[in-house]
């Protein structure tokens, strides 16, 4: 069977996209452990502890957050909603 260029390109694209979905770091890696620790600390201080000064200090000025109910929020509107 003769392959055409579009079907070959589609096959390559499909292989690339499906393998990208498995690009996870191992749960025992240093990177994973560090991110998990920092995520837990940020959540505890910012949300559980209501430390909005801390949250403001770690949120980027270029934040664009898409809320399923409120739509697009920038840093200021995100912090005001807290």
N, C-alpha and C. Protein backbone atom coordinates (compact mmCIF):
# COMPACT_ATOMS: atom_id res chain seq x y z
N UNK A 1 0.84 -1.18 0.00
CA UNK A 1 0.00 0.00 0.00
C UNK A 1 0.90 1.25 0.00
N UNK A 2 0.56 2.19 -0.82
CA UNK A 2 1.34 3.40 -0.96
C UNK A 2 0.87 4.43 0.08
N UNK A 3 1.82 4.97 0.83
CA UNK A 3 1.49 6.00 1.83
C UNK A 3 1.59 7.37 1.22
N UNK A 4 0.68 8.21 1.60
CA UNK A 4 0.72 9.58 1.11
C UNK A 4 1.39 10.45 2.17
N UNK A 5 1.86 11.59 1.76
CA UNK A 5 2.52 12.51 2.68
C UNK A 5 1.60 12.95 3.82
N UNK A 6 0.34 13.31 3.58
CA UNK A 6 -0.53 13.72 4.69
C UNK A 6 -0.73 12.61 5.73
N UNK A 7 -0.90 11.38 5.30
CA UNK A 7 -1.10 10.30 6.27
C UNK A 7 0.17 10.02 7.06
N UNK A 8 1.32 10.15 6.42
CA UNK A 8 2.59 9.98 7.13
C UNK A 8 2.79 11.07 8.16
N UNK A 9 2.52 12.31 7.78
CA UNK A 9 2.66 13.42 8.72
C UNK A 9 1.67 13.28 9.88
N UNK A 10 0.46 12.85 9.59
CA UNK A 10 -0.53 12.64 10.63
C UNK A 10 -0.07 11.55 11.60
N UNK A 11 0.50 10.49 11.08
CA UNK A 11 1.00 9.40 11.93
C UNK A 11 2.12 9.90 12.83
N UNK A 12 3.03 10.68 12.30
CA UNK A 12 4.12 11.24 13.10
C UNK A 12 3.59 12.18 14.17
N UNK A 13 2.62 13.01 13.82
CA UNK A 13 2.01 13.92 14.78
C UNK A 13 1.31 13.15 15.89
N UNK A 14 0.58 12.12 15.53
CA UNK A 14 -0.13 11.30 16.51
C UNK A 14 0.84 10.63 17.48
N UNK A 15 1.92 10.09 16.98
CA UNK A 15 2.93 9.46 17.83
C UNK A 15 3.55 10.49 18.77
N UNK A 16 3.87 11.67 18.26
CA UNK A 16 4.48 12.73 19.07
C UNK A 16 3.54 13.18 20.18
N UNK A 17 2.29 13.43 19.85
CA UNK A 17 1.32 13.92 20.83
C UNK A 17 1.04 12.88 21.90
N UNK A 18 0.88 11.62 21.52
CA UNK A 18 0.57 10.60 22.52
C UNK A 18 1.73 10.32 23.45
N UNK A 19 2.95 10.43 22.97
CA UNK A 19 4.09 10.19 23.86
C UNK A 19 4.34 11.39 24.78
N UNK A 20 3.92 12.58 24.37
CA UNK A 20 4.09 13.76 25.23
C UNK A 20 3.21 13.66 26.47
N UNK A 21 2.10 12.98 26.39
CA UNK A 21 1.20 12.83 27.52
C UNK A 21 1.80 12.02 28.65
N UNK A 22 2.84 11.29 28.39
CA UNK A 22 3.49 10.46 29.40
C UNK A 22 4.79 11.08 29.89
N UNK A 23 4.97 12.35 29.66
CA UNK A 23 6.21 13.04 30.05
C UNK A 23 6.14 13.47 31.51
N UNK A 24 6.09 12.50 32.39
CA UNK A 24 6.02 12.76 33.83
C UNK A 24 7.36 12.44 34.45
N UNK A 25 7.71 13.16 35.50
CA UNK A 25 8.92 12.81 36.24
C UNK A 25 8.55 11.74 37.25
N UNK A 26 9.51 10.95 37.62
CA UNK A 26 9.27 9.88 38.59
C UNK A 26 8.92 10.48 39.95
N UNK A 27 8.02 9.82 40.67
CA UNK A 27 7.59 10.33 41.97
C UNK A 27 8.68 10.29 43.02
N UNK A 28 9.74 9.55 42.76
CA UNK A 28 10.85 9.52 43.71
C UNK A 28 12.00 10.45 43.30
N UNK A 29 11.78 11.25 42.24
CA UNK A 29 12.83 12.17 41.78
C UNK A 29 12.91 13.40 42.69
N UNK A 30 14.05 14.01 42.70
CA UNK A 30 14.28 15.21 43.51
C UNK A 30 13.33 16.32 43.08
N UNK A 31 13.13 16.50 41.78
CA UNK A 31 12.25 17.54 41.26
C UNK A 31 10.82 17.34 41.75
N UNK A 32 10.31 16.13 41.65
CA UNK A 32 8.95 15.84 42.09
C UNK A 32 8.78 16.13 43.58
N UNK A 33 9.72 15.67 44.39
CA UNK A 33 9.63 15.88 45.84
C UNK A 33 9.68 17.37 46.18
N UNK A 34 10.55 18.12 45.50
CA UNK A 34 10.66 19.56 45.77
C UNK A 34 9.39 20.30 45.37
N UNK A 35 8.84 19.99 44.20
CA UNK A 35 7.60 20.63 43.77
C UNK A 35 6.44 20.29 44.69
N UNK A 36 6.37 19.05 45.12
CA UNK A 36 5.30 18.63 46.03
C UNK A 36 5.41 19.36 47.37
N UNK A 37 6.62 19.50 47.87
CA UNK A 37 6.84 20.21 49.14
C UNK A 37 6.45 21.67 49.01
N UNK A 38 6.92 22.32 47.94
CA UNK A 38 6.63 23.74 47.75
C UNK A 38 5.13 23.97 47.52
N UNK A 39 4.47 23.08 46.80
CA UNK A 39 3.04 23.18 46.57
C UNK A 39 2.27 23.08 47.89
N UNK A 40 2.67 22.14 48.72
CA UNK A 40 2.01 21.96 50.02
C UNK A 40 2.20 23.19 50.91
N UNK A 41 3.41 23.73 50.93
CA UNK A 41 3.67 24.92 51.74
C UNK A 41 2.88 26.12 51.24
N UNK A 42 2.86 26.30 49.93
CA UNK A 42 2.12 27.42 49.35
C UNK A 42 0.64 27.31 49.68
N UNK A 43 0.06 26.13 49.53
CA UNK A 43 -1.36 25.94 49.80
C UNK A 43 -1.66 26.18 51.28
N UNK A 44 -0.82 25.64 52.14
CA UNK A 44 -1.04 25.79 53.58
C UNK A 44 -1.00 27.26 54.00
N UNK A 45 0.04 27.97 53.57
CA UNK A 45 0.17 29.38 53.96
C UNK A 45 -0.88 30.27 53.32
N UNK A 46 -1.07 30.10 52.01
CA UNK A 46 -1.93 31.01 51.26
C UNK A 46 -3.41 30.79 51.52
N UNK A 47 -3.84 29.56 51.44
CA UNK A 47 -5.28 29.29 51.50
C UNK A 47 -5.73 28.87 52.89
N UNK A 48 -5.06 27.91 53.49
CA UNK A 48 -5.46 27.49 54.83
C UNK A 48 -5.14 28.54 55.88
N UNK A 49 -3.99 29.20 55.74
CA UNK A 49 -3.57 30.23 56.69
C UNK A 49 -4.02 31.63 56.34
N UNK A 50 -4.65 31.79 55.18
CA UNK A 50 -5.14 33.11 54.71
C UNK A 50 -4.04 34.17 54.71
N UNK A 51 -2.83 33.79 54.35
CA UNK A 51 -1.70 34.72 54.29
C UNK A 51 -1.65 35.33 52.89
N UNK A 52 -2.46 36.35 52.67
CA UNK A 52 -2.56 36.96 51.34
C UNK A 52 -1.30 37.73 50.95
N UNK A 53 -0.57 38.22 51.94
CA UNK A 53 0.70 38.90 51.65
C UNK A 53 1.67 37.91 51.02
N UNK A 54 1.74 36.72 51.58
CA UNK A 54 2.60 35.67 51.02
C UNK A 54 2.14 35.29 49.61
N UNK A 55 0.83 35.09 49.44
CA UNK A 55 0.30 34.73 48.13
C UNK A 55 0.63 35.80 47.09
N UNK A 56 0.47 37.05 47.47
CA UNK A 56 0.78 38.15 46.54
C UNK A 56 2.25 38.14 46.16
N UNK A 57 3.12 37.78 47.09
CA UNK A 57 4.56 37.80 46.81
C UNK A 57 4.99 36.68 45.87
N UNK A 58 4.23 35.60 45.79
CA UNK A 58 4.66 34.48 44.94
C UNK A 58 3.91 34.41 43.60
N UNK A 59 2.83 35.18 43.47
CA UNK A 59 2.08 35.17 42.22
C UNK A 59 2.73 36.13 41.22
N UNK A 60 2.92 35.67 40.02
CA UNK A 60 3.55 36.46 38.97
C UNK A 60 2.65 37.63 38.55
N UNK A 61 3.28 38.73 38.18
CA UNK A 61 2.55 39.88 37.67
C UNK A 61 1.81 39.54 36.37
N UNK A 62 2.31 38.55 35.65
CA UNK A 62 1.71 38.19 34.35
C UNK A 62 0.69 37.06 34.48
N UNK A 63 0.20 36.80 35.68
CA UNK A 63 -0.78 35.74 35.90
C UNK A 63 -2.03 35.96 35.06
N UNK A 64 -2.48 34.91 34.41
CA UNK A 64 -3.77 34.87 33.75
C UNK A 64 -4.43 33.57 34.19
N UNK A 65 -5.45 33.69 35.00
CA UNK A 65 -6.14 32.54 35.57
C UNK A 65 -7.53 32.46 34.96
N UNK A 66 -7.89 31.31 34.44
CA UNK A 66 -9.21 31.15 33.83
C UNK A 66 -10.08 30.35 34.80
N UNK A 67 -11.03 31.04 35.39
CA UNK A 67 -11.94 30.42 36.35
C UNK A 67 -13.18 29.94 35.61
N UNK A 68 -13.67 28.77 35.97
CA UNK A 68 -14.81 28.22 35.24
C UNK A 68 -16.08 29.04 35.42
N UNK A 69 -16.18 29.80 36.49
CA UNK A 69 -17.36 30.64 36.71
C UNK A 69 -17.08 32.12 36.45
N UNK A 70 -15.91 32.58 36.86
CA UNK A 70 -15.60 34.01 36.78
C UNK A 70 -14.90 34.47 35.53
N UNK A 71 -14.47 33.54 34.69
CA UNK A 71 -13.76 33.92 33.47
C UNK A 71 -12.29 34.19 33.73
N UNK A 72 -11.71 35.04 32.90
CA UNK A 72 -10.27 35.33 32.97
C UNK A 72 -9.99 36.33 34.08
N UNK A 73 -8.99 36.01 34.89
CA UNK A 73 -8.55 36.91 35.96
C UNK A 73 -7.07 37.19 35.80
N UNK A 74 -6.68 38.44 36.08
CA UNK A 74 -5.27 38.77 36.17
C UNK A 74 -4.85 38.68 37.63
N UNK A 75 -3.63 39.06 37.95
CA UNK A 75 -3.15 38.96 39.34
C UNK A 75 -4.05 39.73 40.29
N UNK A 76 -4.38 40.97 39.95
CA UNK A 76 -5.16 41.82 40.84
C UNK A 76 -6.55 41.23 41.10
N UNK A 77 -7.24 40.82 40.06
CA UNK A 77 -8.59 40.27 40.25
C UNK A 77 -8.55 38.92 40.95
N UNK A 78 -7.48 38.14 40.72
CA UNK A 78 -7.30 36.87 41.41
C UNK A 78 -7.15 37.09 42.91
N UNK A 79 -6.30 38.04 43.29
CA UNK A 79 -6.07 38.32 44.70
C UNK A 79 -7.30 38.94 45.35
N UNK A 80 -8.02 39.78 44.64
CA UNK A 80 -9.25 40.38 45.19
C UNK A 80 -10.32 39.32 45.46
N UNK A 81 -10.33 38.27 44.66
CA UNK A 81 -11.30 37.20 44.85
C UNK A 81 -10.97 36.32 46.04
N UNK A 82 -9.75 36.42 46.53
CA UNK A 82 -9.36 35.61 47.67
C UNK A 82 -9.94 36.21 48.91
